[in-house]
PDB file of N, CA and C in Angstrom:
ATOM      1  N   MET A   1      -8.404-146.316-117.756  1.00  0.00           N
ATOM      2  CA  MET A   1      -8.992-145.132-118.357  1.00  0.00           C
ATOM      3  C   MET A   1      -9.946-144.477-117.364  1.00  0.00           C
ATOM      4  N   ALA A   2      -9.982-143.185-117.350  1.00  0.00           N
ATOM      5  CA  ALA A   2     -10.874-142.438-116.468  1.00  0.00           C
ATOM      6  C   ALA A   2     -11.994-141.788-117.276  1.00  0.00           C
ATOM      7  N   LEU A   3     -13.209-141.996-116.822  1.00  0.00           N
ATOM      8  CA  LEU A   3     -14.358-141.382-117.478  1.00  0.00           C
ATOM      9  C   LEU A   3     -14.616-139.976-116.960  1.00  0.00           C
ATOM     10  N   GLY A   4     -14.406-139.776-115.670  1.00  0.00           N
ATOM     11  CA  GLY A   4     -14.641-138.473-115.067  1.00  0.00           C
ATOM     12  C   GLY A   4     -16.103-138.124-114.912  1.00  0.00           C
ATOM     13  N   ILE A   5     -16.926-139.109-114.574  1.00  0.00           N
ATOM     14  CA  ILE A   5     -18.358-138.877-114.381  1.00  0.00           C
ATOM     15  C   ILE A   5     -18.669-139.037-112.899  1.00  0.00           C
ATOM     16  N   THR A   6     -19.159-137.984-112.275  1.00  0.00           N
ATOM     17  CA  THR A   6     -19.561-138.072-110.882  1.00  0.00           C
ATOM     18  C   THR A   6     -20.683-139.102-110.763  1.00  0.00           C
ATOM     19  N   GLY A   7     -20.487-140.067-109.872  1.00  0.00           N
ATOM     20  CA  GLY A   7     -21.482-141.117-109.669  1.00  0.00           C
ATOM     21  C   GLY A   7     -21.099-142.441-110.299  1.00  0.00           C
ATOM     22  N   ILE A   8     -20.043-142.442-111.107  1.00  0.00           N
ATOM     23  CA  ILE A   8     -19.570-143.683-111.735  1.00  0.00           C
ATOM     24  C   ILE A   8     -18.272-144.097-111.057  1.00  0.00           C
ATOM     25  N   ASP A   9     -18.218-145.336-110.633  1.00  0.00           N
ATOM     26  CA  ASP A   9     -17.052-145.882-109.952  1.00  0.00           C
ATOM     27  C   ASP A   9     -16.004-146.258-110.996  1.00  0.00           C
ATOM     28  N   GLU A  10     -14.941-145.479-111.050  1.00  0.00           N
ATOM     29  CA  GLU A  10     -13.894-145.678-112.061  1.00  0.00           C
ATOM     30  C   GLU A  10     -13.243-147.065-111.951  1.00  0.00           C
ATOM     31  N   ALA A  11     -12.993-147.520-110.732  1.00  0.00           N
ATOM     32  CA  ALA A  11     -12.369-148.839-110.554  1.00  0.00           C
ATOM     33  C   ALA A  11     -13.285-149.933-111.081  1.00  0.00           C
ATOM     34  N   LYS A  12     -14.582-149.830-110.794  1.00  0.00           N
ATOM     35  CA  LYS A  12     -15.548-150.819-111.312  1.00  0.00           C
ATOM     36  C   LYS A  12     -15.578-150.776-112.837  1.00  0.00           C
ATOM     37  N   PHE A  13     -15.585-149.556-113.395  1.00  0.00           N
ATOM     38  CA  PHE A  13     -15.584-149.407-114.855  1.00  0.00           C
ATOM     39  C   PHE A  13     -14.381-150.109-115.461  1.00  0.00           C
ATOM     40  N   ASN A  14     -13.208-149.847-114.907  1.00  0.00           N
ATOM     41  CA  ASN A  14     -11.998-150.443-115.471  1.00  0.00           C
ATOM     42  C   ASN A  14     -11.967-151.950-115.272  1.00  0.00           C
ATOM     43  N   ASP A  15     -12.565-152.434-114.185  1.00  0.00           N
ATOM     44  CA  ASP A  15     -12.628-153.873-113.935  1.00  0.00           C
ATOM     45  C   ASP A  15     -13.678-154.538-114.816  1.00  0.00           C
ATOM     46  N   LEU A  16     -14.879-153.998-114.809  1.00  0.00           N
ATOM     47  CA  LEU A  16     -15.998-154.603-115.533  1.00  0.00           C
ATOM     48  C   LEU A  16     -15.862-154.461-117.049  1.00  0.00           C
ATOM     49  N   MET A  17     -15.482-153.285-117.498  1.00  0.00           N
ATOM     50  CA  MET A  17     -15.456-152.998-118.930  1.00  0.00           C
ATOM     51  C   MET A  17     -14.045-152.875-119.483  1.00  0.00           C
ATOM     52  N   GLU A  18     -13.079-153.139-118.636  1.00  0.00           N
ATOM     53  CA  GLU A  18     -11.673-153.081-119.031  1.00  0.00           C
ATOM     54  C   GLU A  18     -11.330-151.756-119.715  1.00  0.00           C
ATOM     55  N   GLY A  19     -11.953-150.675-119.249  1.00  0.00           N
ATOM     56  CA  GLY A  19     -11.661-149.352-119.788  1.00  0.00           C
ATOM     57  C   GLY A  19     -12.200-149.103-121.191  1.00  0.00           C
ATOM     58  N   ASP A  20     -13.103-149.957-121.672  1.00  0.00           N
ATOM     59  CA  ASP A  20     -13.633-149.849-123.033  1.00  0.00           C
ATOM     60  C   ASP A  20     -14.738-148.784-123.081  1.00  0.00           C
ATOM     61  N   GLU A  21     -14.384-147.582-123.513  1.00  0.00           N
ATOM     62  CA  GLU A  21     -15.335-146.479-123.566  1.00  0.00           C
ATOM     63  C   GLU A  21     -16.479-146.761-124.539  1.00  0.00           C
ATOM     64  N   GLU A  22     -16.208-147.412-125.655  1.00  0.00           N
ATOM     65  CA  GLU A  22     -17.269-147.718-126.627  1.00  0.00           C
ATOM     66  C   GLU A  22     -18.304-148.653-126.023  1.00  0.00           C
ATOM     67  N   LEU A  23     -17.856-149.641-125.263  1.00  0.00           N
ATOM     68  CA  LEU A  23     -18.784-150.547-124.586  1.00  0.00           C
ATOM     69  C   LEU A  23     -19.617-149.763-123.577  1.00  0.00           C
ATOM     70  N   PHE A  24     -18.966-148.891-122.820  1.00  0.00           N
ATOM     71  CA  PHE A  24     -19.675-148.077-121.846  1.00  0.00           C
ATOM     72  C   PHE A  24     -20.737-147.220-122.533  1.00  0.00           C
ATOM     73  N   ILE A  25     -20.404-146.606-123.645  1.00  0.00           N
ATOM     74  CA  ILE A  25     -21.354-145.765-124.377  1.00  0.00           C
ATOM     75  C   ILE A  25     -22.567-146.583-124.806  1.00  0.00           C
ATOM     76  N   SER A  26     -22.341-147.792-125.261  1.00  0.00           N
ATOM     77  CA  SER A  26     -23.428-148.662-125.686  1.00  0.00           C
ATOM     78  C   SER A  26     -24.360-149.004-124.516  1.00  0.00           C
ATOM     79  N   VAL A  27     -23.790-149.385-123.393  1.00  0.00           N
ATOM     80  CA  VAL A  27     -24.582-149.732-122.208  1.00  0.00           C
ATOM     81  C   VAL A  27     -25.260-148.477-121.651  1.00  0.00           C
ATOM     82  N   LEU A  28     -24.547-147.377-121.643  1.00  0.00           N
ATOM     83  CA  LEU A  28     -25.093-146.122-121.135  1.00  0.00           C
ATOM     84  C   LEU A  28     -26.286-145.661-121.959  1.00  0.00           C
ATOM     85  N   SER A  29     -26.228-145.844-123.254  1.00  0.00           N
ATOM     86  CA  SER A  29     -27.337-145.457-124.119  1.00  0.00           C
ATOM     87  C   SER A  29     -28.636-146.156-123.690  1.00  0.00           C
ATOM     88  N   LEU A  30     -28.545-147.444-123.409  1.00  0.00           N
ATOM     89  CA  LEU A  30     -29.722-148.195-122.947  1.00  0.00           C
ATOM     90  C   LEU A  30     -30.205-147.679-121.596  1.00  0.00           C
ATOM     91  N   TYR A  31     -29.268-147.418-120.707  1.00  0.00           N
ATOM     92  CA  TYR A  31     -29.608-146.910-119.381  1.00  0.00           C
ATOM     93  C   TYR A  31     -30.350-145.574-119.498  1.00  0.00           C
ATOM     94  N   LEU A  32     -29.834-144.691-120.314  1.00  0.00           N
ATOM     95  CA  LEU A  32     -30.464-143.377-120.480  1.00  0.00           C
ATOM     96  C   LEU A  32     -31.853-143.491-121.093  1.00  0.00           C
ATOM     97  N   ASP A  33     -32.033-144.441-121.990  1.00  0.00           N
ATOM     98  CA  ASP A  33     -33.341-144.640-122.619  1.00  0.00           C
ATOM     99  C   ASP A  33     -34.373-145.213-121.650  1.00  0.00           C
ATOM    100  N   LYS A  34     -33.964-146.160-120.829  1.00  0.00           N
ATOM    101  CA  LYS A  34     -34.899-146.898-119.984  1.00  0.00           C
ATOM    102  C   LYS A  34     -35.177-146.245-118.630  1.00  0.00           C
ATOM    103  N   THR A  35     -34.229-145.478-118.118  1.00  0.00           N
ATOM    104  CA  THR A  35     -34.352-144.959-116.753  1.00  0.00           C
ATOM    105  C   THR A  35     -35.576-144.078-116.523  1.00  0.00           C
ATOM    106  N   PRO A  36     -35.949-143.177-117.415  1.00  0.00           N
ATOM    107  CA  PRO A  36     -37.130-142.350-117.128  1.00  0.00           C
ATOM    108  C   PRO A  36     -38.400-143.167-116.840  1.00  0.00           C
ATOM    109  N   SER A  37     -38.638-144.235-117.577  1.00  0.00           N
ATOM    110  CA  SER A  37     -39.844-145.027-117.312  1.00  0.00           C
ATOM    111  C   SER A  37     -39.725-145.801-116.006  1.00  0.00           C
ATOM    112  N   VAL A  38     -38.510-146.229-115.667  1.00  0.00           N
ATOM    113  CA  VAL A  38     -38.300-146.915-114.392  1.00  0.00           C
ATOM    114  C   VAL A  38     -38.517-145.944-113.235  1.00  0.00           C
ATOM    115  N   VAL A  39     -37.976-144.754-113.355  1.00  0.00           N
ATOM    116  CA  VAL A  39     -38.140-143.739-112.315  1.00  0.00           C
ATOM    117  C   VAL A  39     -39.617-143.444-112.098  1.00  0.00           C
ATOM    118  N   SER A  40     -40.392-143.374-113.161  1.00  0.00           N
ATOM    119  CA  SER A  40     -41.836-143.139-113.028  1.00  0.00           C
ATOM    120  C   SER A  40     -42.500-144.224-112.194  1.00  0.00           C
ATOM    121  N   LYS A  41     -42.103-145.463-112.426  1.00  0.00           N
ATOM    122  CA  LYS A  41     -42.655-146.579-111.640  1.00  0.00           C
ATOM    123  C   LYS A  41     -42.225-146.474-110.180  1.00  0.00           C
ATOM    124  N   LEU A  42     -40.969-146.110-109.952  1.00  0.00           N
ATOM    125  CA  LEU A  42     -40.472-146.011-108.583  1.00  0.00           C
ATOM    126  C   LEU A  42     -41.121-144.845-107.834  1.00  0.00           C
ATOM    127  N   GLU A  43     -41.424-143.778-108.541  1.00  0.00           N
ATOM    128  CA  GLU A  43     -42.085-142.618-107.927  1.00  0.00           C
ATOM    129  C   GLU A  43     -43.496-142.964-107.467  1.00  0.00           C
ATOM    130  N   ALA A  44     -44.129-143.908-108.134  1.00  0.00           N
ATOM    131  CA  ALA A  44     -45.531-144.223-107.883  1.00  0.00           C
ATOM    132  C   ALA A  44     -45.742-145.284-106.796  1.00  0.00           C
ATOM    133  N   VAL A  45     -44.712-145.628-106.061  1.00  0.00           N
ATOM    134  CA  VAL A  45     -44.830-146.690-105.061  1.00  0.00           C
ATOM    135  C   VAL A  45     -45.847-146.318-103.974  1.00  0.00           C
ATOM    136  N   THR A  46     -46.621-147.308-103.587  1.00  0.00           N
ATOM    137  CA  THR A  46     -47.537-147.204-102.452  1.00  0.00           C
ATOM    138  C   THR A  46     -47.349-148.457-101.608  1.00  0.00           C
ATOM    139  N   ILE A  47     -47.919-148.446-100.453  1.00  0.00           N
ATOM    140  CA  ILE A  47     -47.817-149.621 -99.591  1.00  0.00           C
ATOM    141  C   ILE A  47     -48.407-150.861-100.290  1.00  0.00           C
ATOM    142  N   LYS A  48     -49.392-150.645-101.126  1.00  0.00           N
ATOM    143  CA  LYS A  48     -50.038-151.759-101.832  1.00  0.00           C
ATOM    144  C   LYS A  48     -49.202-152.281-103.000  1.00  0.00           C
ATOM    145  N   THR A  49     -48.256-151.482-103.486  1.00  0.00           N
ATOM    146  CA  THR A  49     -47.467-151.903-104.657  1.00  0.00           C
ATOM    147  C   THR A  49     -46.019-152.258-104.297  1.00  0.00           C
ATOM    148  N   LEU A  50     -45.765-152.552-103.026  1.00  0.00           N
ATOM    149  CA  LEU A  50     -44.396-152.851-102.602  1.00  0.00           C
ATOM    150  C   LEU A  50     -43.798-154.051-103.327  1.00  0.00           C
ATOM    151  N   ALA A  51     -44.585-155.073-103.613  1.00  0.00           N
ATOM    152  CA  ALA A  51     -44.050-156.258-104.303  1.00  0.00           C
ATOM    153  C   ALA A  51     -43.587-155.891-105.712  1.00  0.00           C
ATOM    154  N   ASP A  52     -44.396-155.133-106.427  1.00  0.00           N
ATOM    155  CA  ASP A  52     -43.999-154.684-107.765  1.00  0.00           C
ATOM    156  C   ASP A  52     -42.800-153.744-107.688  1.00  0.00           C
ATOM    157  N   TYR A  53     -42.799-152.890-106.687  1.00  0.00           N
ATOM    158  CA  TYR A  53     -41.677-151.972-106.475  1.00  0.00           C
ATOM    159  C   TYR A  53     -40.390-152.763-106.266  1.00  0.00           C
ATOM    160  N   ALA A  54     -40.454-153.812-105.446  1.00  0.00           N
ATOM    161  CA  ALA A  54     -39.267-154.636-105.182  1.00  0.00           C
ATOM    162  C   ALA A  54     -38.713-155.208-106.475  1.00  0.00           C
ATOM    163  N   THR A  55     -39.579-155.671-107.338  1.00  0.00           N
ATOM    164  CA  THR A  55     -39.148-156.224-108.624  1.00  0.00           C
ATOM    165  C   THR A  55     -38.522-155.140-109.500  1.00  0.00           C
ATOM    166  N   THR A  56     -39.150-153.973-109.551  1.00  0.00           N
ATOM    167  CA  THR A  56     -38.650-152.877-110.381  1.00  0.00           C
ATOM    168  C   THR A  56     -37.304-152.372-109.871  1.00  0.00           C
ATOM    169  N   VAL A  57     -37.195-152.162-108.565  1.00  0.00           N
ATOM    170  CA  VAL A  57     -35.946-151.633-108.025  1.00  0.00           C
ATOM    171  C   VAL A  57     -34.831-152.684-108.119  1.00  0.00           C
ATOM    172  N   HIS A  58     -35.188-153.967-108.080  1.00  0.00           N
ATOM    173  CA  HIS A  58     -34.197-155.028-108.278  1.00  0.00           C
ATOM    174  C   HIS A  58     -33.595-154.928-109.685  1.00  0.00           C
ATOM    175  N   GLY A  59     -34.456-154.787-110.676  1.00  0.00           N
ATOM    176  CA  GLY A  59     -33.972-154.654-112.051  1.00  0.00           C
ATOM    177  C   GLY A  59     -33.141-153.400-112.248  1.00  0.00           C
ATOM    178  N   PHE A  60     -33.567-152.327-111.606  1.00  0.00           N
ATOM    179  CA  PHE A  60     -32.841-151.064-111.727  1.00  0.00           C
ATOM    180  C   PHE A  60     -31.487-151.158-111.037  1.00  0.00           C
ATOM    181  N   LYS A  61     -31.432-151.912-109.957  1.00  0.00           N
ATOM    182  CA  LYS A  61     -30.149-152.155-109.273  1.00  0.00           C
ATOM    183  C   LYS A  61     -29.164-152.768-110.257  1.00  0.00           C
ATOM    184  N   GLY A  62     -29.618-153.733-111.039  1.00  0.00           N
ATOM    185  CA  GLY A  62     -28.762-154.354-112.048  1.00  0.00           C
ATOM    186  C   GLY A  62     -28.344-153.378-113.130  1.00  0.00           C
ATOM    187  N   ALA A  63     -29.262-152.523-113.539  1.00  0.00           N
ATOM    188  CA  ALA A  63     -28.929-151.517-114.560  1.00  0.00           C
ATOM    189  C   ALA A  63     -27.869-150.556-114.041  1.00  0.00           C
ATOM    190  N   CYS A  64     -27.986-150.178-112.774  1.00  0.00           N
ATOM    191  CA  CYS A  64     -26.981-149.288-112.172  1.00  0.00           C
ATOM    192  C   CYS A  64     -25.629-149.985-112.100  1.00  0.00           C
ATOM    193  N   ALA A  65     -25.640-151.264-111.757  1.00  0.00           N
ATOM    194  CA  ALA A  65     -24.392-152.031-111.719  1.00  0.00           C
ATOM    195  C   ALA A  65     -23.768-152.107-113.105  1.00  0.00           C
ATOM    196  N   ASN A  66     -24.586-152.236-114.133  1.00  0.00           N
ATOM    197  CA  ASN A  66     -24.083-152.344-115.505  1.00  0.00           C
ATOM    198  C   ASN A  66     -23.341-151.101-115.976  1.00  0.00           C
ATOM    199  N   ILE A  67     -23.687-149.944-115.399  1.00  0.00           N
ATOM    200  CA  ILE A  67     -22.977-148.722-115.791  1.00  0.00           C
ATOM    201  C   ILE A  67     -21.976-148.289-114.713  1.00  0.00           C
ATOM    202  N   CYS A  68     -21.745-149.158-113.738  1.00  0.00           N
ATOM    203  CA  CYS A  68     -20.749-148.919-112.683  1.00  0.00           C
ATOM    204  C   CYS A  68     -21.151-147.772-111.764  1.00  0.00           C
ATOM    205  N   ALA A  69     -22.447-147.557-111.598  1.00  0.00           N
ATOM    206  CA  ALA A  69     -22.969-146.543-110.685  1.00  0.00           C
ATOM    207  C   ALA A  69     -23.134-147.202-109.316  1.00  0.00           C
ATOM    208  N   GLU A  70     -22.038-147.361-108.622  1.00  0.00           N
ATOM    209  CA  GLU A  70     -21.993-148.158-107.400  1.00  0.00           C
ATOM    210  C   GLU A  70     -22.851-147.578-106.275  1.00  0.00           C
ATOM    211  N   ASP A  71     -22.819-146.277-106.064  1.00  0.00           N
ATOM    212  CA  ASP A  71     -23.646-145.687-105.000  1.00  0.00           C
ATOM    213  C   ASP A  71     -25.127-145.885-105.308  1.00  0.00           C
ATOM    214  N   ALA A  72     -25.522-145.708-106.550  1.00  0.00           N
ATOM    215  CA  ALA A  72     -26.917-145.917-106.941  1.00  0.00           C
ATOM    216  C   ALA A  72     -27.300-147.383-106.767  1.00  0.00           C
ATOM    217  N   ARG A  73     -26.397-148.284-107.111  1.00  0.00           N
ATOM    218  CA  ARG A  73     -26.656-149.716-106.942  1.00  0.00           C
ATOM    219  C   ARG A  73     -26.889-150.041-105.473  1.00  0.00           C
ATOM    220  N   LYS A  74     -26.061-149.494-104.602  1.00  0.00           N
ATOM    221  CA  LYS A  74     -26.202-149.757-103.163  1.00  0.00           C
ATOM    222  C   LYS A  74     -27.532-149.210-102.627  1.00  0.00           C
ATOM    223  N   MET A  75     -27.908-148.026-103.071  1.00  0.00           N
ATOM    224  CA  MET A  75     -29.177-147.447-102.635  1.00  0.00           C
ATOM    225  C   MET A  75     -30.355-148.287-103.117  1.00  0.00           C
ATOM    226  N   ALA A  76     -30.287-148.731-104.370  1.00  0.00           N
ATOM    227  CA  ALA A  76     -31.355-149.574-104.920  1.00  0.00           C
ATOM    228  C   ALA A  76     -31.446-150.894-104.151  1.00  0.00           C
ATOM    229  N   TYR A  77     -30.304-151.451-103.805  1.00  0.00           N
ATOM    230  CA  TYR A  77     -30.293-152.706-103.050  1.00  0.00           C
ATOM    231  C   TYR A  77     -30.951-152.522-101.680  1.00  0.00           C
ATOM    232  N   SER A  78     -30.636-151.443-101.011  1.00  0.00           N
ATOM    233  CA  SER A  78     -31.255-151.152 -99.714  1.00  0.00           C
ATOM    234  C   SER A  78     -32.773-151.043 -99.856  1.00  0.00           C
ATOM    235  N   LEU A  79     -33.215-150.346-100.874  1.00  0.00           N
ATOM    236  CA  LEU A  79     -34.651-150.210-101.111  1.00  0.00           C
ATOM    237  C   LEU A  79     -35.291-151.547-101.469  1.00  0.00           C
ATOM    238  N   GLU A  80     -34.593-152.354-102.244  1.00  0.00           N
ATOM    239  CA  GLU A  80     -35.115-153.679-102.598  1.00  0.00           C
ATOM    240  C   GLU A  80     -35.335-154.515-101.336  1.00  0.00           C
ATOM    241  N   LEU A  81     -34.357-154.525-100.447  1.00  0.00           N
ATOM    242  CA  LEU A  81     -34.482-155.303 -99.207  1.00  0.00           C
ATOM    243  C   LEU A  81     -35.638-154.801 -98.355  1.00  0.00           C
ATOM    244  N   LYS A  82     -35.787-153.495 -98.261  1.00  0.00           N
ATOM    245  CA  LYS A  82     -36.878-152.921 -97.480  1.00  0.00           C
ATOM    246  C   LYS A  82     -38.237-153.281 -98.098  1.00  0.00           C
ATOM    247  N   ALA A  83     -38.331-153.198 -99.407  1.00  0.00           N
ATOM    248  CA  ALA A  83     -39.593-153.520-100.068  1.00  0.00           C
ATOM    249  C   ALA A  83     -39.938-154.997 -99.898  1.00  0.00           C
ATOM    250  N   LYS A  84     -38.958-155.861-100.023  1.00  0.00           N
ATOM    251  CA  LYS A  84     -39.206-157.303 -99.839  1.00  0.00           C
ATOM    252  C   LYS A  84     -39.624-157.621 -98.411  1.00  0.00           C
ATOM    253  N   ALA A  85     -39.123-156.826 -97.454  1.00  0.00           N
ATOM    254  CA  ALA A  85     -39.481-157.017 -96.048  1.00  0.00           C
ATOM    255  C   ALA A  85     -40.796-156.305 -95.697  1.00  0.00           C
ATOM    256  N   ARG A  86     -41.396-155.674 -96.684  1.00  0.00           N
ATOM    257  CA  ARG A  86     -42.635-154.904 -96.522  1.00  0.00           C
ATOM    258  C   ARG A  86     -42.455-153.769 -95.512  1.00  0.00           C
ATOM    259  N   ASP A  87     -41.265-153.177 -95.523  1.00  0.00           N
ATOM    260  CA  ASP A  87     -40.924-152.048 -94.649  1.00  0.00           C
ATOM    261  C   ASP A  87     -41.329-150.760 -95.345  1.00  0.00           C
ATOM    262  N   TRP A  88     -42.603-150.430 -95.265  1.00  0.00           N
ATOM    263  CA  TRP A  88     -43.112-149.260 -95.950  1.00  0.00           C
ATOM    264  C   TRP A  88     -42.440-147.979 -95.462  1.00  0.00           C
ATOM    265  N   ASP A  89     -42.266-147.850 -94.153  1.00  0.00           N
ATOM    266  CA  ASP A  89     -41.642-146.642 -93.619  1.00  0.00           C
ATOM    267  C   ASP A  89     -40.230-146.463 -94.168  1.00  0.00           C
ATOM    268  N   GLY A  90     -39.485-147.554 -94.271  1.00  0.00           N
ATOM    269  CA  GLY A  90     -38.131-147.494 -94.812  1.00  0.00           C
ATOM    270  C   GLY A  90     -38.117-147.105 -96.280  1.00  0.00           C
ATOM    271  N   VAL A  91     -39.006-147.709 -97.057  1.00  0.00           N
ATOM    272  CA  VAL A  91     -39.091-147.369 -98.485  1.00  0.00           C
ATOM    273  C   VAL A  91     -39.503-145.920 -98.653  1.00  0.00           C
ATOM    274  N   GLU A  92     -40.498-145.522 -97.897  1.00  0.00           N
ATOM    275  CA  GLU A  92     -40.991-144.150 -98.009  1.00  0.00           C
ATOM    276  C   GLU A  92     -39.898-143.141 -97.640  1.00  0.00           C
ATOM    277  N   ALA A  93     -39.083-143.460 -96.649  1.00  0.00           N
ATOM    278  CA  ALA A  93     -38.023-142.547 -96.210  1.00  0.00           C
ATOM    279  C   ALA A  93     -36.865-142.467 -97.200  1.00  0.00           C
ATOM    280  N   GLU A  94     -36.544-143.575 -97.844  1.00  0.00           N
ATOM    281  CA  GLU A  94     -35.368-143.613 -98.727  1.00  0.00           C
ATOM    282  C   GLU A  94     -35.663-143.374-100.202  1.00  0.00           C
ATOM    283  N   ASN A  95     -36.894-143.561-100.620  1.00  0.00           N
ATOM    284  CA  ASN A  95     -37.197-143.494-102.051  1.00  0.00           C
ATOM    285  C   ASN A  95     -36.981-142.108-102.640  1.00  0.00           C
ATOM    286  N   ALA A  96     -37.495-141.075-101.994  1.00  0.00           N
ATOM    287  CA  ALA A  96     -37.347-139.716-102.539  1.00  0.00           C
ATOM    288  C   ALA A  96     -35.887-139.291-102.629  1.00  0.00           C
ATOM    289  N   PRO A  97     -35.063-139.504-101.591  1.00  0.00           N
ATOM    290  CA  PRO A  97     -33.639-139.158-101.728  1.00  0.00           C
ATOM    291  C   PRO A  97     -32.941-139.976-102.820  1.00  0.00           C
ATOM    292  N   PHE A  98     -33.334-141.228-102.954  1.00  0.00           N
ATOM    293  CA  PHE A  98     -32.769-142.072-104.011  1.00  0.00           C
ATOM    294  C   PHE A  98     -33.107-141.501-105.384  1.00  0.00           C
ATOM    295  N   LEU A  99     -34.353-141.144-105.592  1.00  0.00           N
ATOM    296  CA  LEU A  99     -34.771-140.610-106.889  1.00  0.00           C
ATOM    297  C   LEU A  99     -34.119-139.261-107.170  1.00  0.00           C
ATOM    298  N   LYS A 100     -33.907-138.466-106.133  1.00  0.00           N
ATOM    299  CA  LYS A 100     -33.196-137.203-106.306  1.00  0.00           C
ATOM    300  C   LYS A 100     -31.752-137.472-106.726  1.00  0.00           C
ATOM    301  N   TYR A 101     -31.130-138.472-106.116  1.00  0.00           N
ATOM    302  CA  TYR A 101     -29.770-138.848-106.498  1.00  0.00           C
ATOM    303  C   TYR A 101     -29.736-139.307-107.957  1.00  0.00           C
ATOM    304  N   ILE A 102     -30.714-140.100-108.362  1.00  0.00           N
ATOM    305  CA  ILE A 102     -30.775-140.590-109.747  1.00  0.00           C
ATOM    306  C   ILE A 102     -30.957-139.424-110.710  1.00  0.00           C
ATOM    307  N   ASP A 103     -31.753-138.431-110.352  1.00  0.00           N
ATOM    308  CA  ASP A 103     -31.912-137.244-111.207  1.00  0.00           C
ATOM    309  C   ASP A 103     -30.560-136.582-111.455  1.00  0.00           C
ATOM    310  N   GLY A 104     -29.795-136.392-110.404  1.00  0.00           N
ATOM    311  CA  GLY A 104     -28.468-135.785-110.547  1.00  0.00           C
ATOM    312  C   GLY A 104     -27.531-136.659-111.359  1.00  0.00           C
ATOM    313  N   LEU A 105     -27.583-137.954-111.107  1.00  0.00           N
ATOM    314  CA  LEU A 105     -26.760-138.889-111.869  1.00  0.00           C
ATOM    315  C   LEU A 105     -27.110-138.822-113.354  1.00  0.00           C
ATOM    316  N   MET A 106     -28.389-138.786-113.648  1.00  0.00           N
ATOM    317  CA  MET A 106     -28.820-138.714-115.053  1.00  0.00           C
ATOM    318  C   MET A 106     -28.296-137.456-115.730  1.00  0.00           C
ATOM    319  N   LEU A 107     -28.296-136.339-115.027  1.00  0.00           N
ATOM    320  CA  LEU A 107     -27.749-135.113-115.609  1.00  0.00           C
ATOM    321  C   LEU A 107     -26.268-135.288-115.938  1.00  0.00           C
ATOM    322  N   ASN A 108     -25.520-135.860-115.009  1.00  0.00           N
ATOM    323  CA  ASN A 108     -24.092-136.114-115.240  1.00  0.00           C
ATOM    324  C   ASN A 108     -23.881-137.044-116.431  1.00  0.00           C
ATOM    325  N   LEU A 109     -24.685-138.110-116.483  1.00  0.00           N
ATOM    326  CA  LEU A 109     -24.539-139.100-117.548  1.00  0.00           C
ATOM    327  C   LEU A 109     -24.914-138.521-118.911  1.00  0.00           C
ATOM    328  N   LYS A 110     -26.005-137.782-118.967  1.00  0.00           N
ATOM    329  CA  LYS A 110     -26.434-137.185-120.241  1.00  0.00           C
ATOM    330  C   LYS A 110     -25.393-136.193-120.749  1.00  0.00           C
ATOM    331  N   ASP A 111     -24.856-135.396-119.848  1.00  0.00           N
ATOM    332  CA  ASP A 111     -23.834-134.433-120.233  1.00  0.00           C
ATOM    333  C   ASP A 111     -22.617-135.145-120.816  1.00  0.00           C
ATOM    334  N   TRP A 112     -22.148-136.159-120.135  1.00  0.00           N
ATOM    335  CA  TRP A 112     -20.982-136.911-120.612  1.00  0.00           C
ATOM    336  C   TRP A 112     -21.297-137.600-121.943  1.00  0.00           C
ATOM    337  N   TYR A 113     -22.471-138.226-122.016  1.00  0.00           N
ATOM    338  CA  TYR A 113     -22.869-138.966-123.214  1.00  0.00           C
ATOM    339  C   TYR A 113     -22.909-138.058-124.442  1.00  0.00           C
ATOM    340  N   GLU A 114     -23.488-136.876-124.283  1.00  0.00           N
ATOM    341  CA  GLU A 114     -23.568-135.942-125.412  1.00  0.00           C
ATOM    342  C   GLU A 114     -22.186-135.536-125.933  1.00  0.00           C
ATOM    343  N   LYS A 115     -21.230-135.519-125.056  1.00  0.00           N
ATOM    344  CA  LYS A 115     -19.874-135.139-125.458  1.00  0.00           C
ATOM    345  C   LYS A 115     -19.064-136.301-126.046  1.00  0.00           C
ATOM    346  N   HIS A 116     -19.525-137.534-125.832  1.00  0.00           N
ATOM    347  CA  HIS A 116     -18.716-138.693-126.218  1.00  0.00           C
ATOM    348  C   HIS A 116     -19.384-139.670-127.191  1.00  0.00           C
ATOM    349  N   LYS A 117     -20.642-139.477-127.494  1.00  0.00           N
ATOM    350  CA  LYS A 117     -21.298-140.460-128.374  1.00  0.00           C
ATOM    351  C   LYS A 117     -20.802-140.380-129.801  1.00  0.00           C
TER     352      LYS A 117
END
């Protein structure tokens, strides 16, 4: 089954959820509810909060994987590794583009969700 959502890996969806749109809607609902508060935490990162950031972005990486958002998962993983390595310059350089990508992804997801819930 094809969802047709930019940012969602169709092959992962069909593998992970066996094409079950109802399951996807259920998982997506949680993602849409929780992501704004996670994004707020990720936006507030400072050099002093890198350890907390690493934990938050790790959890968000899993949430992205749960909805088959493979590009977002990969970006979160890169940021997690940088934060764990205390690479402030790397986190600072990648965080804003990552959050911009998540904003666009959220628009795509909300649009699809409203049409399919």
